[in-house]
Amino acid sequence: MKPQVVVVGSFVQDLTWKCAAFPAPGETVVGTFVTGPGGKGSNQAVAAGRTGVPTLFVGAVGRDAFARDARIFYRTEGIAARFVEKPPHATGTAGILVNAHGQNEIIVALGANAALRPADVPAVALRAARVVVTQHETDLRTVAAVLRTARRAGVITIHNPAPMRTDFDPALLKHVDILIPNESEFAALMALWKIPLAKKLTASAVAALPSERLHALCRTLGVPTMIVTLGARGVLVSQSSGATLIPSHKVNVVDTTGAGDAFCGGFAAGLVKFNGDILAAAHFGNAVAALSVTKFGTAPSMPTAREIAAFLKRV
């Protein structure tokens, strides 16, 4: 079956240390270590693919052991993937610290991801999809080309501006149907616009904004639909017709790493499952994100279709 969700983005090998508390500068703490597949693009593709919606991931890797493991992982998952080798670049890596509260600190080395080019992405797959998803962990010129190609073909385009970068060009947003930032990314986007007060917003201030005020700010960006993920508060869906705040689910939080990716991938799959119904897809993505934080890790924590169905019956 042809992919209905195409995710173009990063694959990185997650190198994760779990500790009681984050070390202070110059301090060494003892923790535990695990490693596994990650990267915002890959995480989102796994989140979408595990729901049962046919998904294709497109990304770049080096010619190394991590690239070999990436291919094995996707074959095991039964999710289609196009890995473009970019020697002499190394496969991307991420150093992740997770404390006892499930909070995380992350450093990403993009490696081969930064060398992904428009020609590496099959245009036929973009045009045949129902939803195309991008992020900021690859070359932003490639991101813009992918979004432009998909939107011209009438495909729904989703952009997750994570992580925010100094080379981000706001003109990219004209190719975006649905923009999904978190609080810090939203604050950074506001800083690019000449809006009084909004330029000085912090992530914590965004999280505390009344829904009506946040919705009004969303409308200044010119994107048809914005979904701001607000952590424990939930997600705000902003459209020209109005805004809806979807509260988060109360779950036992183990590790918040990848929760935003879980929402994006789950939401993309939800658009397919619910025939473009944005609110239904957002509720679905919210459930996927909630389940992801109950497990340790990123891609391995993404829930399956069976787990999601059982969870939705309980809530």
C-alpha atoms as a PDB file:
ATOM      1  CA  MET A   1       0.000   0.000   0.000  1.00  0.00           C
ATOM      2  CA  LYS A   2       1.393   3.431  -0.920  1.00  0.00           C
ATOM      3  CA  PRO A   3       2.402   5.664   2.023  1.00  0.00           C
ATOM      4  CA  GLN A   4      -0.311   8.084   3.105  1.00  0.00           C
ATOM      5  CA  VAL A   5       1.972   9.920   5.528  1.00  0.00           C
ATOM      6  CA  VAL A   6       5.454  10.918   4.350  1.00  0.00           C
ATOM      7  CA  VAL A   7       7.854  12.266   6.964  1.00  0.00           C
ATOM      8  CA  VAL A   8      11.022  13.950   5.705  1.00  0.00           C
ATOM      9  CA  GLY A   9      13.531  14.655   8.442  1.00  0.00           C
ATOM     10  CA  SER A  10      16.259  13.494  10.744  1.00  0.00           C
ATOM     11  CA  PHE A  11      17.447  10.155  11.975  1.00  0.00           C
ATOM     12  CA  VAL A  12      19.814  10.282  14.944  1.00  0.00           C
ATOM     13  CA  GLN A  13      21.090   7.635  17.296  1.00  0.00           C
ATOM     14  CA  ASP A  14      19.905   8.543  20.798  1.00  0.00           C
ATOM     15  CA  LEU A  15      22.541   8.171  23.511  1.00  0.00           C
ATOM     16  CA  THR A  16      20.563   8.559  26.717  1.00  0.00           C
ATOM     17  CA  TRP A  17      21.700   8.876  30.319  1.00  0.00           C
ATOM     18  CA  LYS A  18      19.161   8.726  33.155  1.00  0.00           C
ATOM     19  CA  CYS A  19      20.126  10.404  36.416  1.00  0.00           C
ATOM     20  CA  ALA A  20      18.467  11.581  39.629  1.00  0.00           C
ATOM     21  CA  ALA A  21      19.245  15.244  38.889  1.00  0.00           C
ATOM     22  CA  PHE A  22      20.982  17.093  36.062  1.00  0.00           C
ATOM     23  CA  PRO A  23      24.656  17.790  36.801  1.00  0.00           C
ATOM     24  CA  ALA A  24      25.656  21.377  37.552  1.00  0.00           C
ATOM     25  CA  PRO A  25      28.544  22.884  35.532  1.00  0.00           C
ATOM     26  CA  GLY A  26      31.710  21.011  36.461  1.00  0.00           C
ATOM     27  CA  GLU A  27      29.795  18.309  38.349  1.00  0.00           C
ATOM     28  CA  THR A  28      29.816  14.556  37.598  1.00  0.00           C
ATOM     29  CA  VAL A  29      26.833  12.414  38.516  1.00  0.00           C
ATOM     30  CA  VAL A  30      26.273   8.664  38.234  1.00  0.00           C
ATOM     31  CA  GLY A  31      23.471   7.426  35.998  1.00  0.00           C
ATOM     32  CA  THR A  32      22.366   4.634  33.685  1.00  0.00           C
ATOM     33  CA  PHE A  33      22.765   4.460  29.903  1.00  0.00           C
ATOM     34  CA  VAL A  34      20.681   3.212  26.976  1.00  0.00           C
ATOM     35  CA  THR A  35      20.899   3.804  23.244  1.00  0.00           C
ATOM     36  CA  GLY A  36      18.377   3.500  20.428  1.00  0.00           C
ATOM     37  CA  PRO A  37      16.847   5.118  17.339  1.00  0.00           C
ATOM     38  CA  GLY A  38      15.753   8.749  17.485  1.00  0.00           C
ATOM     39  CA  GLY A  39      15.662  12.046  15.621  1.00  0.00           C
ATOM     40  CA  LYS A  40      12.583  14.230  15.309  1.00  0.00           C
ATOM     41  CA  GLY A  41      11.716  13.093  11.804  1.00  0.00           C
ATOM     42  CA  SER A  42      12.250   9.421  12.538  1.00  0.00           C
ATOM     43  CA  ASN A  43      10.363   9.616  15.832  1.00  0.00           C
ATOM     44  CA  GLN A  44       7.394  11.208  14.079  1.00  0.00           C
ATOM     45  CA  ALA A  45       7.458   8.567  11.352  1.00  0.00           C
ATOM     46  CA  VAL A  46       7.487   5.776  13.933  1.00  0.00           C
ATOM     47  CA  ALA A  47       4.644   7.430  15.860  1.00  0.00           C
ATOM     48  CA  ALA A  48       2.578   7.621  12.660  1.00  0.00           C
ATOM     49  CA  GLY A  49       3.518   4.165  11.387  1.00  0.00           C
ATOM     50  CA  ARG A  50       2.726   2.364  14.639  1.00  0.00           C
ATOM     51  CA  THR A  51      -0.885   3.598  14.425  1.00  0.00           C
ATOM     52  CA  GLY A  52      -1.333   1.416  11.348  1.00  0.00           C
ATOM     53  CA  VAL A  53      -1.345   4.238   8.794  1.00  0.00           C
ATOM     54  CA  PRO A  54       1.060   3.449   5.894  1.00  0.00           C
ATOM     55  CA  THR A  55       4.054   5.738   6.452  1.00  0.00           C
ATOM     56  CA  LEU A  56       7.315   6.518   4.648  1.00  0.00           C
ATOM     57  CA  PHE A  57      10.334   8.071   6.336  1.00  0.00           C
ATOM     58  CA  VAL A  58      12.968   9.843   4.221  1.00  0.00           C
ATOM     59  CA  GLY A  59      16.278  10.813   5.813  1.00  0.00           C
ATOM     60  CA  ALA A  60      20.071  10.819   5.507  1.00  0.00           C
ATOM     61  CA  VAL A  61      22.628   8.674   7.328  1.00  0.00           C
ATOM     62  CA  GLY A  62      26.352   8.033   7.237  1.00  0.00           C
ATOM     63  CA  ARG A  63      28.063   4.806   6.308  1.00  0.00           C
ATOM     64  CA  ASP A  64      28.470   3.466   9.837  1.00  0.00           C
ATOM     65  CA  ALA A  65      27.060   1.112  12.460  1.00  0.00           C
ATOM     66  CA  PHE A  66      24.307   3.522  13.472  1.00  0.00           C
ATOM     67  CA  ALA A  67      23.051   3.609   9.860  1.00  0.00           C
ATOM     68  CA  ARG A  68      23.003  -0.183   9.761  1.00  0.00           C
ATOM     69  CA  ASP A  69      21.008  -0.251  13.001  1.00  0.00           C
ATOM     70  CA  ALA A  70      18.543   2.296  11.575  1.00  0.00           C
ATOM     71  CA  ARG A  71      17.757   0.064   8.603  1.00  0.00           C
ATOM     72  CA  ILE A  72      17.345  -2.970  10.837  1.00  0.00           C
ATOM     73  CA  PHE A  73      14.998  -1.036  13.139  1.00  0.00           C
ATOM     74  CA  TYR A  74      12.715   0.073  10.301  1.00  0.00           C
ATOM     75  CA  ARG A  75      12.603  -3.409   8.795  1.00  0.00           C
ATOM     76  CA  THR A  76      11.650  -4.796  12.196  1.00  0.00           C
ATOM     77  CA  GLU A  77       8.956  -2.136  12.600  1.00  0.00           C
ATOM     78  CA  GLY A  78       7.553  -2.802   9.120  1.00  0.00           C
ATOM     79  CA  ILE A  79       7.676   0.936   8.294  1.00  0.00           C
ATOM     80  CA  ALA A  80       8.936   2.027   4.869  1.00  0.00           C
ATOM     81  CA  ALA A  81      12.148   4.073   4.917  1.00  0.00           C
ATOM     82  CA  ARG A  82      14.444   5.672   2.356  1.00  0.00           C
ATOM     83  CA  PHE A  83      17.880   6.195   3.918  1.00  0.00           C
ATOM     84  CA  VAL A  84      20.228   8.239   1.728  1.00  0.00           C
ATOM     85  CA  GLU A  85      23.910   7.597   2.496  1.00  0.00           C
ATOM     86  CA  LYS A  86      26.030  10.737   2.872  1.00  0.00           C
ATOM     87  CA  PRO A  87      29.683   9.738   3.284  1.00  0.00           C
ATOM     88  CA  PRO A  88      31.922  11.082   4.739  1.00  0.00           C
ATOM     89  CA  HIS A  89      29.302  12.426   7.174  1.00  0.00           C
ATOM     90  CA  ALA A  90      28.478  10.423  10.283  1.00  0.00           C
ATOM     91  CA  THR A  91      24.929   9.404  11.154  1.00  0.00           C
ATOM     92  CA  GLY A  92      23.388  12.002  13.464  1.00  0.00           C
ATOM     93  CA  THR A  93      23.602  11.525  17.219  1.00  0.00           C
ATOM     94  CA  ALA A  94      21.850  12.994  20.258  1.00  0.00           C
ATOM     95  CA  GLY A  95      23.133  13.155  23.815  1.00  0.00           C
ATOM     96  CA  ILE A  96      20.093  13.081  26.130  1.00  0.00           C
ATOM     97  CA  LEU A  97      19.967  13.536  29.893  1.00  0.00           C
ATOM     98  CA  VAL A  98      16.754  12.528  31.694  1.00  0.00           C
ATOM     99  CA  ASN A  99      16.214  13.316  35.379  1.00  0.00           C
ATOM    100  CA  ALA A 100      14.021  11.616  37.964  1.00  0.00           C
ATOM    101  CA  HIS A 101      11.071  13.868  37.036  1.00  0.00           C
ATOM    102  CA  GLY A 102      11.155  12.776  33.390  1.00  0.00           C
ATOM    103  CA  GLN A 103      12.527  16.134  32.224  1.00  0.00           C
ATOM    104  CA  ASN A 104      15.253  16.170  29.592  1.00  0.00           C
ATOM    105  CA  GLU A 105      18.214  18.125  28.259  1.00  0.00           C
ATOM    106  CA  ILE A 106      19.412  17.331  24.725  1.00  0.00           C
ATOM    107  CA  ILE A 107      22.360  18.099  22.445  1.00  0.00           C
ATOM    108  CA  VAL A 108      22.008  17.023  18.782  1.00  0.00           C
ATOM    109  CA  ALA A 109      24.832  16.572  16.257  1.00  0.00           C
ATOM    110  CA  LEU A 110      23.022  16.574  12.899  1.00  0.00           C
ATOM    111  CA  GLY A 111      25.789  14.877  10.913  1.00  0.00           C
ATOM    112  CA  ALA A 112      24.423  13.442   7.645  1.00  0.00           C
ATOM    113  CA  ASN A 113      21.004  14.994   8.270  1.00  0.00           C
ATOM    114  CA  ALA A 114      22.364  18.427   7.365  1.00  0.00           C
ATOM    115  CA  ALA A 115      23.388  17.072   3.952  1.00  0.00           C
ATOM    116  CA  LEU A 116      19.893  15.928   2.904  1.00  0.00           C
ATOM    117  CA  ARG A 117      19.093  17.612  -0.430  1.00  0.00           C
ATOM    118  CA  PRO A 118      15.827  18.122  -2.364  1.00  0.00           C
ATOM    119  CA  ALA A 119      16.943  15.593  -4.996  1.00  0.00           C
ATOM    120  CA  ASP A 120      17.193  12.937  -2.254  1.00  0.00           C
ATOM    121  CA  VAL A 121      13.449  13.137  -1.582  1.00  0.00           C
ATOM    122  CA  PRO A 122      11.214  11.276  -4.084  1.00  0.00           C
ATOM    123  CA  ALA A 123       8.779  13.867  -5.421  1.00  0.00           C
ATOM    124  CA  VAL A 124       6.408  11.122  -6.586  1.00  0.00           C
ATOM    125  CA  ALA A 125       5.990   9.971  -2.972  1.00  0.00           C
ATOM    126  CA  LEU A 126       5.307  13.520  -1.794  1.00  0.00           C
ATOM    127  CA  ARG A 127       2.639  14.075  -4.443  1.00  0.00           C
ATOM    128  CA  ALA A 128       0.965  10.712  -3.780  1.00  0.00           C
ATOM    129  CA  ALA A 129       0.732  11.201   0.005  1.00  0.00           C
ATOM    130  CA  ARG A 130      -2.198  12.634   1.941  1.00  0.00           C
ATOM    131  CA  VAL A 131       0.021  14.265   4.567  1.00  0.00           C
ATOM    132  CA  VAL A 132       3.669  15.421   4.479  1.00  0.00           C
ATOM    133  CA  VAL A 133       5.553  16.301   7.677  1.00  0.00           C
ATOM    134  CA  THR A 134       8.829  18.235   8.149  1.00  0.00           C
ATOM    135  CA  GLN A 135      10.943  19.661  11.002  1.00  0.00           C
ATOM    136  CA  HIS A 136      14.181  21.651  11.546  1.00  0.00           C
ATOM    137  CA  GLU A 137      16.823  18.942  11.917  1.00  0.00           C
ATOM    138  CA  THR A 138      17.720  18.871   8.210  1.00  0.00           C
ATOM    139  CA  ASP A 139      18.776  21.509   5.654  1.00  0.00           C
ATOM    140  CA  LEU A 140      16.008  24.129   5.738  1.00  0.00           C
ATOM    141  CA  ARG A 141      16.278  24.654   1.977  1.00  0.00           C
ATOM    142  CA  THR A 142      15.322  21.013   1.559  1.00  0.00           C
ATOM    143  CA  VAL A 143      12.460  21.464   4.043  1.00  0.00           C
ATOM    144  CA  ALA A 144      11.116  24.396   2.005  1.00  0.00           C
ATOM    145  CA  ALA A 145      11.397  22.439  -1.259  1.00  0.00           C
ATOM    146  CA  VAL A 146       9.549  19.449   0.237  1.00  0.00           C
ATOM    147  CA  LEU A 147       6.718  21.603   1.582  1.00  0.00           C
ATOM    148  CA  ARG A 148       6.425  23.516  -1.689  1.00  0.00           C
ATOM    149  CA  THR A 149       6.242  20.336  -3.779  1.00  0.00           C
ATOM    150  CA  ALA A 150       3.647  18.744  -1.513  1.00  0.00           C
ATOM    151  CA  ARG A 151       1.424  21.796  -1.218  1.00  0.00           C
ATOM    152  CA  ARG A 152       1.397  22.390  -4.964  1.00  0.00           C
ATOM    153  CA  ALA A 153       0.081  18.829  -5.302  1.00  0.00           C
ATOM    154  CA  GLY A 154      -2.748  19.521  -2.848  1.00  0.00           C
ATOM    155  CA  VAL A 155      -1.197  17.444  -0.066  1.00  0.00           C
ATOM    156  CA  ILE A 156      -1.702  18.577   3.560  1.00  0.00           C
ATOM    157  CA  THR A 157       1.591  20.001   4.829  1.00  0.00           C
ATOM    158  CA  ILE A 158       2.560  19.891   8.510  1.00  0.00           C
ATOM    159  CA  HIS A 159       5.634  21.681   9.810  1.00  0.00           C
ATOM    160  CA  ASN A 160       7.082  21.252  13.283  1.00  0.00           C
ATOM    161  CA  PRO A 161       9.575  24.156  13.749  1.00  0.00           C
ATOM    162  CA  ALA A 162      11.794  22.207  16.107  1.00  0.00           C
ATOM    163  CA  PRO A 163      14.404  22.965  17.084  1.00  0.00           C
ATOM    164  CA  MET A 164      14.124  26.677  16.260  1.00  0.00           C
ATOM    165  CA  ARG A 165      17.189  27.892  14.368  1.00  0.00           C
ATOM    166  CA  THR A 166      18.767  31.237  13.635  1.00  0.00           C
ATOM    167  CA  ASP A 167      18.689  30.482   9.889  1.00  0.00           C
ATOM    168  CA  PHE A 168      14.910  29.934   9.867  1.00  0.00           C
ATOM    169  CA  ASP A 169      13.239  31.928   7.077  1.00  0.00           C
ATOM    170  CA  PRO A 170       9.629  32.897   7.925  1.00  0.00           C
ATOM    171  CA  ALA A 171       8.845  32.767   4.182  1.00  0.00           C
ATOM    172  CA  LEU A 172       8.791  28.973   4.599  1.00  0.00           C
ATOM    173  CA  LEU A 173       5.435  29.308   6.365  1.00  0.00           C
ATOM    174  CA  LYS A 174       3.629  30.153   3.117  1.00  0.00           C
ATOM    175  CA  HIS A 175       3.963  26.473   2.188  1.00  0.00           C
ATOM    176  CA  VAL A 176       2.520  25.235   5.531  1.00  0.00           C
ATOM    177  CA  ASP A 177      -1.075  24.202   6.176  1.00  0.00           C
ATOM    178  CA  ILE A 178      -0.581  23.219   9.825  1.00  0.00           C
ATOM    179  CA  LEU A 179       2.192  24.549  12.069  1.00  0.00           C
ATOM    180  CA  ILE A 180       2.936  22.726  15.347  1.00  0.00           C
ATOM    181  CA  PRO A 181       5.311  24.571  17.723  1.00  0.00           C
ATOM    182  CA  ASN A 182       5.759  24.053  21.449  1.00  0.00           C
ATOM    183  CA  GLU A 183       5.896  26.968  23.929  1.00  0.00           C
ATOM    184  CA  SER A 184       9.565  27.861  23.335  1.00  0.00           C
ATOM    185  CA  GLU A 185       9.283  27.528  19.570  1.00  0.00           C
ATOM    186  CA  PHE A 186       6.147  29.684  19.589  1.00  0.00           C
ATOM    187  CA  ALA A 187       7.983  32.355  21.612  1.00  0.00           C
ATOM    188  CA  ALA A 188      10.848  32.263  19.104  1.00  0.00           C
ATOM    189  CA  LEU A 189       8.409  32.596  16.191  1.00  0.00           C
ATOM    190  CA  MET A 190       6.784  35.596  17.856  1.00  0.00           C
ATOM    191  CA  ALA A 191      10.200  37.236  18.217  1.00  0.00           C
ATOM    192  CA  LEU A 192      10.496  37.223  14.402  1.00  0.00           C
ATOM    193  CA  TRP A 193       7.305  39.243  13.977  1.00  0.00           C
ATOM    194  CA  LYS A 194       7.027  42.968  14.711  1.00  0.00           C
ATOM    195  CA  ILE A 195       4.212  42.599  17.229  1.00  0.00           C
ATOM    196  CA  PRO A 196       4.269  44.744  20.414  1.00  0.00           C
ATOM    197  CA  LEU A 197       4.882  42.660  23.579  1.00  0.00           C
ATOM    198  CA  ALA A 198       4.864  39.379  21.632  1.00  0.00           C
ATOM    199  CA  LYS A 199       8.517  39.850  20.733  1.00  0.00           C
ATOM    200  CA  LYS A 200       9.416  39.533  24.439  1.00  0.00           C
ATOM    201  CA  LEU A 201       7.402  36.411  25.216  1.00  0.00           C
ATOM    202  CA  THR A 202       9.138  33.568  27.038  1.00  0.00           C
ATOM    203  CA  ALA A 203       8.196  29.901  26.904  1.00  0.00           C
ATOM    204  CA  SER A 204       6.749  30.042  30.420  1.00  0.00           C
ATOM    205  CA  ALA A 205       4.739  33.140  29.511  1.00  0.00           C
ATOM    206  CA  VAL A 206       3.330  31.374  26.443  1.00  0.00           C
ATOM    207  CA  ALA A 207       2.305  28.397  28.582  1.00  0.00           C
ATOM    208  CA  ALA A 208       0.396  30.726  30.920  1.00  0.00           C
ATOM    209  CA  LEU A 209      -1.385  32.807  28.260  1.00  0.00           C
ATOM    210  CA  PRO A 210      -5.186  32.668  28.241  1.00  0.00           C
ATOM    211  CA  SER A 211      -6.438  30.642  25.283  1.00  0.00           C
ATOM    212  CA  GLU A 212      -8.025  33.707  23.669  1.00  0.00           C
ATOM    213  CA  ARG A 213      -4.752  35.667  23.761  1.00  0.00           C
ATOM    214  CA  LEU A 214      -2.710  32.747  22.469  1.00  0.00           C
ATOM    215  CA  HIS A 215      -5.239  32.222  19.673  1.00  0.00           C
ATOM    216  CA  ALA A 216      -5.014  35.908  18.692  1.00  0.00           C
ATOM    217  CA  LEU A 217      -1.225  35.657  18.455  1.00  0.00           C
ATOM    218  CA  CYS A 218      -1.490  32.474  16.393  1.00  0.00           C
ATOM    219  CA  ARG A 219      -3.649  34.319  13.865  1.00  0.00           C
ATOM    220  CA  THR A 220      -0.845  36.841  13.208  1.00  0.00           C
ATOM    221  CA  LEU A 221       1.366  34.226  11.516  1.00  0.00           C
ATOM    222  CA  GLY A 222      -0.894  33.661   8.515  1.00  0.00           C
ATOM    223  CA  VAL A 223      -0.854  29.851   8.757  1.00  0.00           C
ATOM    224  CA  PRO A 224      -4.327  28.299   8.277  1.00  0.00           C
ATOM    225  CA  THR A 225      -4.042  26.061  11.355  1.00  0.00           C
ATOM    226  CA  MET A 226      -1.688  26.340  14.315  1.00  0.00           C
ATOM    227  CA  ILE A 227      -1.434  23.789  17.093  1.00  0.00           C
ATOM    228  CA  VAL A 228       0.614  24.913  20.086  1.00  0.00           C
ATOM    229  CA  THR A 229       1.674  22.048  22.341  1.00  0.00           C
ATOM    230  CA  LEU A 230       1.616  23.254  25.962  1.00  0.00           C
ATOM    231  CA  GLY A 231       3.008  20.310  27.917  1.00  0.00           C
ATOM    232  CA  ALA A 232       0.917  19.409  30.943  1.00  0.00           C
ATOM    233  CA  ARG A 233      -1.731  21.959  29.926  1.00  0.00           C
ATOM    234  CA  GLY A 234      -2.521  20.184  26.646  1.00  0.00           C
ATOM    235  CA  VAL A 235      -2.667  21.592  23.105  1.00  0.00           C
ATOM    236  CA  LEU A 236      -4.339  24.668  21.642  1.00  0.00           C
ATOM    237  CA  VAL A 237      -5.790  24.261  18.142  1.00  0.00           C
ATOM    238  CA  SER A 238      -6.092  27.677  16.459  1.00  0.00           C
ATOM    239  CA  GLN A 239      -8.013  28.111  13.203  1.00  0.00           C
ATOM    240  CA  SER A 240      -9.642  31.105  11.537  1.00  0.00           C
ATOM    241  CA  SER A 241     -13.003  29.852  12.852  1.00  0.00           C
ATOM    242  CA  GLY A 242     -11.836  29.816  16.480  1.00  0.00           C
ATOM    243  CA  ALA A 243      -9.686  28.020  19.022  1.00  0.00           C
ATOM    244  CA  THR A 244     -10.037  24.817  21.031  1.00  0.00           C
ATOM    245  CA  LEU A 245      -7.945  23.855  24.052  1.00  0.00           C
ATOM    246  CA  ILE A 246      -7.572  20.076  24.381  1.00  0.00           C
ATOM    247  CA  PRO A 247      -6.448  19.215  27.938  1.00  0.00           C
ATOM    248  CA  SER A 248      -3.630  16.751  28.470  1.00  0.00           C
ATOM    249  CA  HIS A 249      -4.321  13.287  29.875  1.00  0.00           C
ATOM    250  CA  LYS A 250      -3.271  12.472  33.423  1.00  0.00           C
ATOM    251  CA  VAL A 251      -0.709   9.675  33.163  1.00  0.00           C
ATOM    252  CA  ASN A 252       2.327   8.410  35.055  1.00  0.00           C
ATOM    253  CA  VAL A 253       5.190  10.391  33.484  1.00  0.00           C
ATOM    254  CA  VAL A 254       8.418   8.424  33.045  1.00  0.00           C
ATOM    255  CA  ASP A 255      10.206  10.326  30.259  1.00  0.00           C
ATOM    256  CA  THR A 256       8.958  13.356  28.301  1.00  0.00           C
ATOM    257  CA  THR A 257      11.619  13.008  25.592  1.00  0.00           C
ATOM    258  CA  GLY A 258       9.893  12.696  22.214  1.00  0.00           C
ATOM    259  CA  ALA A 259       6.431  13.690  23.444  1.00  0.00           C
ATOM    260  CA  GLY A 260       6.192  16.472  20.869  1.00  0.00           C
ATOM    261  CA  ASP A 261       7.243  14.055  18.139  1.00  0.00           C
ATOM    262  CA  ALA A 262       4.627  11.574  19.337  1.00  0.00           C
ATOM    263  CA  PHE A 263       1.955  14.253  19.012  1.00  0.00           C
ATOM    264  CA  CYS A 264       3.076  15.314  15.527  1.00  0.00           C
ATOM    265  CA  GLY A 265       3.229  11.757  14.199  1.00  0.00           C
ATOM    266  CA  GLY A 266      -0.016  10.755  15.885  1.00  0.00           C
ATOM    267  CA  PHE A 267      -1.727  13.896  14.593  1.00  0.00           C
ATOM    268  CA  ALA A 268      -0.545  13.245  11.024  1.00  0.00           C
ATOM    269  CA  ALA A 269      -1.870   9.685  11.209  1.00  0.00           C
ATOM    270  CA  GLY A 270      -5.093  11.014  12.733  1.00  0.00           C
ATOM    271  CA  LEU A 271      -5.657  13.274   9.739  1.00  0.00           C
ATOM    272  CA  VAL A 272      -5.663  10.154   7.570  1.00  0.00           C
ATOM    273  CA  LYS A 273      -7.774   8.102   9.977  1.00  0.00           C
ATOM    274  CA  PHE A 274     -10.369  10.852  10.418  1.00  0.00           C
ATOM    275  CA  ASN A 275     -10.420  12.086   6.821  1.00  0.00           C
ATOM    276  CA  GLY A 276      -8.876  15.491   7.481  1.00  0.00           C
ATOM    277  CA  ASP A 277     -10.823  16.288  10.676  1.00  0.00           C
ATOM    278  CA  ILE A 278      -8.283  18.480  12.493  1.00  0.00           C
ATOM    279  CA  LEU A 279      -9.868  18.365  15.953  1.00  0.00           C
ATOM    280  CA  ALA A 280     -10.347  14.596  15.855  1.00  0.00           C
ATOM    281  CA  ALA A 281      -6.733  14.217  14.725  1.00  0.00           C
ATOM    282  CA  ALA A 282      -5.557  16.517  17.532  1.00  0.00           C
ATOM    283  CA  HIS A 283      -7.410  14.453  20.141  1.00  0.00           C
ATOM    284  CA  PHE A 284      -5.795  11.327  18.667  1.00  0.00           C
ATOM    285  CA  GLY A 285      -2.319  12.905  18.682  1.00  0.00           C
ATOM    286  CA  ASN A 286      -2.873  14.014  22.265  1.00  0.00           C
ATOM    287  CA  ALA A 287      -3.506  10.395  23.278  1.00  0.00           C
ATOM    288  CA  VAL A 288      -0.414   9.185  21.398  1.00  0.00           C
ATOM    289  CA  ALA A 289       1.719  11.797  23.192  1.00  0.00           C
ATOM    290  CA  ALA A 290       0.252  10.879  26.580  1.00  0.00           C
ATOM    291  CA  LEU A 291       1.092   7.210  26.107  1.00  0.00           C
ATOM    292  CA  SER A 292       4.617   8.000  24.889  1.00  0.00           C
ATOM    293  CA  VAL A 293       5.627   9.667  28.163  1.00  0.00           C
ATOM    294  CA  THR A 294       4.687   6.577  30.183  1.00  0.00           C
ATOM    295  CA  LYS A 295       7.712   4.735  28.748  1.00  0.00           C
ATOM    296  CA  PHE A 296      11.437   5.435  28.633  1.00  0.00           C
ATOM    297  CA  GLY A 297      13.042   6.444  25.327  1.00  0.00           C
ATOM    298  CA  THR A 298      11.878   8.117  22.118  1.00  0.00           C
ATOM    299  CA  ALA A 299      11.030   5.874  19.155  1.00  0.00           C
ATOM    300  CA  PRO A 300      10.681   2.786  21.390  1.00  0.00           C
ATOM    301  CA  SER A 301       8.114   4.647  23.520  1.00  0.00           C
ATOM    302  CA  MET A 302       5.722   5.349  20.631  1.00  0.00           C
ATOM    303  CA  PRO A 303       2.460   3.442  21.257  1.00  0.00           C
ATOM    304  CA  THR A 304       0.941   0.844  18.956  1.00  0.00           C
ATOM    305  CA  ALA A 305      -2.531   0.988  17.432  1.00  0.00           C
ATOM    306  CA  ARG A 306      -3.754  -1.560  19.986  1.00  0.00           C
ATOM    307  CA  GLU A 307      -2.379   0.453  22.928  1.00  0.00           C
ATOM    308  CA  ILE A 308      -3.950   3.652  21.605  1.00  0.00           C
ATOM    309  CA  ALA A 309      -7.344   2.007  21.101  1.00  0.00           C
ATOM    310  CA  ALA A 310      -7.304   0.555  24.625  1.00  0.00           C
ATOM    311  CA  PHE A 311      -6.291   3.926  26.107  1.00  0.00           C
ATOM    312  CA  LEU A 312      -9.047   5.821  24.273  1.00  0.00           C
ATOM    313  CA  LYS A 313     -11.628   3.372  25.612  1.00  0.00           C
ATOM    314  CA  ARG A 314     -10.541   4.186  29.162  1.00  0.00           C
ATOM    315  CA  VAL A 315     -10.533   7.999  28.915  1.00  0.00           C
END
